[in-house]
Amino acid sequence: MGMNKLVQWFKNFFTNFENVYSMRDDCHMNLVDIRSNLCKQFPDAMIYVTDDTPYLIYKDDMIKVANILNLHRVKKFIAEKRDCDDYAFVLKGRMSRFYGNYAFGIVFTHTEKGNHALNCFLDHTGRFNYLEPQTNQIFRTKKGYKPYLIVI
């Protein structure tokens, strides 16, 4: 496949992505409840919820969408140039473009090795989940992670 055809394929894929996978939108939570729950779980973190009633995300939907949207296999990590915050912002931007009103965001956290940025989402039960955009790993807690800023 020539370079022009490859570029056109990617343009068509991302232009028509809405037709590729439709996430479920049958449960949501209001801004006040989200903020209240997150403040209880992370009392030392600054928390911003940007939408009034975002849809909650089923974990299996999140896995499928993250694997489609995330180009972590294409872009290599480069310290201070293409690192954790860059990966997190790119995935958040892609989620916003295709799934704007879902409870998906970015979390900045202190860790045992220093600061780290990654994505987060609220699952269909309202529970907080981390999503590591560099590996697409999803987890609820991680030893040593102490979020200081959450934007959903």
C-alpha atoms as a PDB file:
ATOM      1  CA  MET A   1       0.000   0.000   0.000  1.00  0.00           C
ATOM      2  CA  GLY A   2       1.482   3.354  -1.041  1.00  0.00           C
ATOM      3  CA  MET A   3       1.909   6.200   1.441  1.00  0.00           C
ATOM      4  CA  ASN A   4      -0.964   8.234  -0.045  1.00  0.00           C
ATOM      5  CA  LYS A   5      -3.329   5.265   0.201  1.00  0.00           C
ATOM      6  CA  LEU A   6      -2.246   4.631   3.785  1.00  0.00           C
ATOM      7  CA  VAL A   7      -2.821   8.265   4.753  1.00  0.00           C
ATOM      8  CA  GLN A   8      -6.237   8.203   3.059  1.00  0.00           C
ATOM      9  CA  TRP A   9      -7.150   4.990   4.881  1.00  0.00           C
ATOM     10  CA  PHE A  10      -6.370   6.622   8.263  1.00  0.00           C
ATOM     11  CA  LYS A  11      -8.345   9.750   7.328  1.00  0.00           C
ATOM     12  CA  ASN A  12     -11.353   7.653   6.329  1.00  0.00           C
ATOM     13  CA  PHE A  13     -11.062   5.475   9.427  1.00  0.00           C
ATOM     14  CA  PHE A  14     -11.004   8.381  11.875  1.00  0.00           C
ATOM     15  CA  THR A  15     -13.610  10.392   9.945  1.00  0.00           C
ATOM     16  CA  ASN A  16     -16.051   7.487  10.010  1.00  0.00           C
ATOM     17  CA  PHE A  17     -15.107   6.144  13.434  1.00  0.00           C
ATOM     18  CA  GLU A  18     -18.507   6.901  14.930  1.00  0.00           C
ATOM     19  CA  ASN A  19     -19.883   4.077  12.796  1.00  0.00           C
ATOM     20  CA  VAL A  20     -17.184   1.608  13.880  1.00  0.00           C
ATOM     21  CA  TYR A  21     -18.048   1.180  17.558  1.00  0.00           C
ATOM     22  CA  SER A  22     -20.953   2.584  19.509  1.00  0.00           C
ATOM     23  CA  MET A  23     -20.501   2.658  23.289  1.00  0.00           C
ATOM     24  CA  ARG A  24     -23.536   2.035  25.459  1.00  0.00           C
ATOM     25  CA  ASP A  25     -25.195   5.127  26.908  1.00  0.00           C
ATOM     26  CA  ASP A  26     -27.797   3.653  29.242  1.00  0.00           C
ATOM     27  CA  CYS A  27     -26.448   4.939  32.566  1.00  0.00           C
ATOM     28  CA  HIS A  28     -25.167   8.279  33.735  1.00  0.00           C
ATOM     29  CA  MET A  29     -24.399  10.151  36.925  1.00  0.00           C
ATOM     30  CA  ASN A  30     -24.849  13.821  37.730  1.00  0.00           C
ATOM     31  CA  LEU A  31     -21.973  16.178  38.341  1.00  0.00           C
ATOM     32  CA  VAL A  32     -22.720  16.624  42.061  1.00  0.00           C
ATOM     33  CA  ASP A  33     -22.696  12.876  42.754  1.00  0.00           C
ATOM     34  CA  ILE A  34     -19.529  12.320  40.732  1.00  0.00           C
ATOM     35  CA  ARG A  35     -17.716  15.106  42.523  1.00  0.00           C
ATOM     36  CA  SER A  36     -18.966  13.944  45.929  1.00  0.00           C
ATOM     37  CA  ASN A  37     -17.870  10.341  45.327  1.00  0.00           C
ATOM     38  CA  LEU A  38     -14.442  11.366  44.038  1.00  0.00           C
ATOM     39  CA  CYS A  39     -13.892  13.788  46.924  1.00  0.00           C
ATOM     40  CA  LYS A  40     -14.575  10.956  49.394  1.00  0.00           C
ATOM     41  CA  GLN A  41     -12.189   8.611  47.582  1.00  0.00           C
ATOM     42  CA  PHE A  42      -9.471  11.221  46.960  1.00  0.00           C
ATOM     43  CA  PRO A  43      -9.850  13.906  49.669  1.00  0.00           C
ATOM     44  CA  ASP A  44      -6.521  15.599  48.879  1.00  0.00           C
ATOM     45  CA  ALA A  45      -7.116  15.916  45.121  1.00  0.00           C
ATOM     46  CA  MET A  46      -8.478  18.866  43.176  1.00  0.00           C
ATOM     47  CA  ILE A  47     -11.437  17.525  41.190  1.00  0.00           C
ATOM     48  CA  TYR A  48     -13.088  19.061  38.138  1.00  0.00           C
ATOM     49  CA  VAL A  49     -16.124  17.527  36.459  1.00  0.00           C
ATOM     50  CA  THR A  50     -16.820  19.289  33.164  1.00  0.00           C
ATOM     51  CA  ASP A  51     -20.190  17.861  32.081  1.00  0.00           C
ATOM     52  CA  ASP A  52     -23.467  17.935  34.038  1.00  0.00           C
ATOM     53  CA  THR A  53     -24.543  14.318  33.482  1.00  0.00           C
ATOM     54  CA  PRO A  54     -21.900  12.277  31.658  1.00  0.00           C
ATOM     55  CA  TYR A  55     -22.541   8.705  30.615  1.00  0.00           C
ATOM     56  CA  LEU A  56     -20.786   6.045  32.658  1.00  0.00           C
ATOM     57  CA  ILE A  57     -18.576   3.599  30.786  1.00  0.00           C
ATOM     58  CA  TYR A  58     -18.829  -0.182  30.700  1.00  0.00           C
ATOM     59  CA  LYS A  59     -15.355  -1.640  31.153  1.00  0.00           C
ATOM     60  CA  ASP A  60     -15.619  -3.910  28.099  1.00  0.00           C
ATOM     61  CA  ASP A  61     -16.618  -0.880  25.980  1.00  0.00           C
ATOM     62  CA  MET A  62     -13.632   1.039  27.343  1.00  0.00           C
ATOM     63  CA  ILE A  63     -11.246  -1.774  26.470  1.00  0.00           C
ATOM     64  CA  LYS A  64     -12.535  -1.955  22.880  1.00  0.00           C
ATOM     65  CA  VAL A  65     -12.500   1.803  22.349  1.00  0.00           C
ATOM     66  CA  ALA A  66      -9.058   2.286  23.945  1.00  0.00           C
ATOM     67  CA  ASN A  67      -7.617  -0.390  21.674  1.00  0.00           C
ATOM     68  CA  ILE A  68      -9.090   1.318  18.630  1.00  0.00           C
ATOM     69  CA  LEU A  69      -8.271   4.929  19.573  1.00  0.00           C
ATOM     70  CA  ASN A  70      -4.920   4.466  21.214  1.00  0.00           C
ATOM     71  CA  LEU A  71      -1.853   4.335  19.001  1.00  0.00           C
ATOM     72  CA  HIS A  72       0.441   3.316  21.864  1.00  0.00           C
ATOM     73  CA  ARG A  73       1.941   0.612  19.691  1.00  0.00           C
ATOM     74  CA  VAL A  74       2.943   3.162  17.053  1.00  0.00           C
ATOM     75  CA  LYS A  75       4.446   5.978  19.114  1.00  0.00           C
ATOM     76  CA  LYS A  76       7.444   5.252  21.315  1.00  0.00           C
ATOM     77  CA  PHE A  77       8.022   6.841  24.708  1.00  0.00           C
ATOM     78  CA  ILE A  78      10.540   9.703  24.714  1.00  0.00           C
ATOM     79  CA  ALA A  79      11.196  11.319  28.120  1.00  0.00           C
ATOM     80  CA  GLU A  80      10.001  14.943  28.333  1.00  0.00           C
ATOM     81  CA  LYS A  81       9.011  14.853  24.660  1.00  0.00           C
ATOM     82  CA  ARG A  82       6.460  12.078  24.290  1.00  0.00           C
ATOM     83  CA  ASP A  83       5.791  10.894  27.802  1.00  0.00           C
ATOM     84  CA  CYS A  84       2.909  10.107  30.157  1.00  0.00           C
ATOM     85  CA  ASP A  85       1.078  13.433  30.009  1.00  0.00           C
ATOM     86  CA  ASP A  86       1.283  13.509  26.210  1.00  0.00           C
ATOM     87  CA  TYR A  87      -0.223  10.027  25.949  1.00  0.00           C
ATOM     88  CA  ALA A  88      -2.975  10.970  28.420  1.00  0.00           C
ATOM     89  CA  PHE A  89      -3.884  14.192  26.586  1.00  0.00           C
ATOM     90  CA  VAL A  90      -3.945  12.473  23.187  1.00  0.00           C
ATOM     91  CA  LEU A  91      -6.277   9.725  24.391  1.00  0.00           C
ATOM     92  CA  LYS A  92      -8.513  12.267  26.170  1.00  0.00           C
ATOM     93  CA  GLY A  93      -8.684  14.307  22.955  1.00  0.00           C
ATOM     94  CA  ARG A  94      -9.655  11.283  20.909  1.00  0.00           C
ATOM     95  CA  MET A  95     -12.291  10.281  23.451  1.00  0.00           C
ATOM     96  CA  SER A  96     -13.688  13.829  23.450  1.00  0.00           C
ATOM     97  CA  ARG A  97     -13.894  13.867  19.681  1.00  0.00           C
ATOM     98  CA  PHE A  98     -15.816  10.633  19.365  1.00  0.00           C
ATOM     99  CA  TYR A  99     -17.417  10.235  22.812  1.00  0.00           C
ATOM    100  CA  GLY A 100     -17.722  13.750  24.195  1.00  0.00           C
ATOM    101  CA  ASN A 101     -20.240  13.190  26.974  1.00  0.00           C
ATOM    102  CA  TYR A 102     -18.692  10.190  28.720  1.00  0.00           C
ATOM    103  CA  ALA A 103     -17.104  10.178  32.180  1.00  0.00           C
ATOM    104  CA  PHE A 104     -13.530   9.977  30.888  1.00  0.00           C
ATOM    105  CA  GLY A 105     -10.648  12.193  31.856  1.00  0.00           C
ATOM    106  CA  ILE A 106      -7.095  12.689  33.007  1.00  0.00           C
ATOM    107  CA  VAL A 107      -5.604  12.134  36.442  1.00  0.00           C
ATOM    108  CA  PHE A 108      -2.305  13.489  37.716  1.00  0.00           C
ATOM    109  CA  THR A 109      -0.861  11.508  40.605  1.00  0.00           C
ATOM    110  CA  HIS A 110       2.108  11.310  42.909  1.00  0.00           C
ATOM    111  CA  THR A 111       3.784   7.917  42.799  1.00  0.00           C
ATOM    112  CA  GLU A 112       6.725   6.284  44.532  1.00  0.00           C
ATOM    113  CA  LYS A 113       8.850   7.159  41.466  1.00  0.00           C
ATOM    114  CA  GLY A 114       7.623  10.757  41.022  1.00  0.00           C
ATOM    115  CA  ASN A 115       4.625  12.316  39.334  1.00  0.00           C
ATOM    116  CA  HIS A 116       2.601  10.550  36.656  1.00  0.00           C
ATOM    117  CA  ALA A 117      -0.277  11.367  34.318  1.00  0.00           C
ATOM    118  CA  LEU A 118      -2.748   8.845  32.979  1.00  0.00           C
ATOM    119  CA  ASN A 119      -6.397   8.570  32.029  1.00  0.00           C
ATOM    120  CA  CYS A 120      -9.356   7.694  34.192  1.00  0.00           C
ATOM    121  CA  PHE A 121     -13.019   6.852  33.768  1.00  0.00           C
ATOM    122  CA  LEU A 122     -16.076   6.037  35.831  1.00  0.00           C
ATOM    123  CA  ASP A 123     -17.433   2.595  35.113  1.00  0.00           C
ATOM    124  CA  HIS A 124     -21.127   1.778  34.754  1.00  0.00           C
ATOM    125  CA  THR A 125     -21.396   1.355  38.535  1.00  0.00           C
ATOM    126  CA  GLY A 126     -19.844   4.785  39.170  1.00  0.00           C
ATOM    127  CA  ARG A 127     -16.484   3.414  40.354  1.00  0.00           C
ATOM    128  CA  PHE A 128     -13.247   5.212  39.490  1.00  0.00           C
ATOM    129  CA  ASN A 129     -10.814   3.369  37.185  1.00  0.00           C
ATOM    130  CA  TYR A 130      -7.339   4.249  35.952  1.00  0.00           C
ATOM    131  CA  LEU A 131      -6.453   3.620  32.312  1.00  0.00           C
ATOM    132  CA  GLU A 132      -2.748   3.645  31.506  1.00  0.00           C
ATOM    133  CA  PRO A 133      -2.648   5.047  27.937  1.00  0.00           C
ATOM    134  CA  GLN A 134       0.846   3.715  27.275  1.00  0.00           C
ATOM    135  CA  THR A 135      -0.285   0.097  27.755  1.00  0.00           C
ATOM    136  CA  ASN A 136      -4.129   0.221  27.828  1.00  0.00           C
ATOM    137  CA  GLN A 137      -4.040  -1.450  31.263  1.00  0.00           C
ATOM    138  CA  ILE A 138      -7.131  -0.754  33.403  1.00  0.00           C
ATOM    139  CA  PHE A 139      -7.038  -0.916  37.197  1.00  0.00           C
ATOM    140  CA  ARG A 140      -9.003   0.490  40.150  1.00  0.00           C
ATOM    141  CA  THR A 141      -6.163   1.116  42.564  1.00  0.00           C
ATOM    142  CA  LYS A 142      -2.409   1.101  42.446  1.00  0.00           C
ATOM    143  CA  LYS A 143      -0.064   1.048  45.402  1.00  0.00           C
ATOM    144  CA  GLY A 144       1.659   4.374  45.842  1.00  0.00           C
ATOM    145  CA  TYR A 145      -0.697   6.355  43.586  1.00  0.00           C
ATOM    146  CA  LYS A 146      -1.980   9.525  45.267  1.00  0.00           C
ATOM    147  CA  PRO A 147      -3.982  11.646  42.796  1.00  0.00           C
ATOM    148  CA  TYR A 148      -3.671  15.418  43.170  1.00  0.00           C
ATOM    149  CA  LEU A 149      -5.688  16.504  40.105  1.00  0.00           C
ATOM    150  CA  ILE A 150      -8.603  14.733  38.404  1.00  0.00           C
ATOM    151  CA  VAL A 151     -10.401  16.230  35.397  1.00  0.00           C
ATOM    152  CA  ILE A 152     -13.398  14.312  34.048  1.00  0.00           C
END
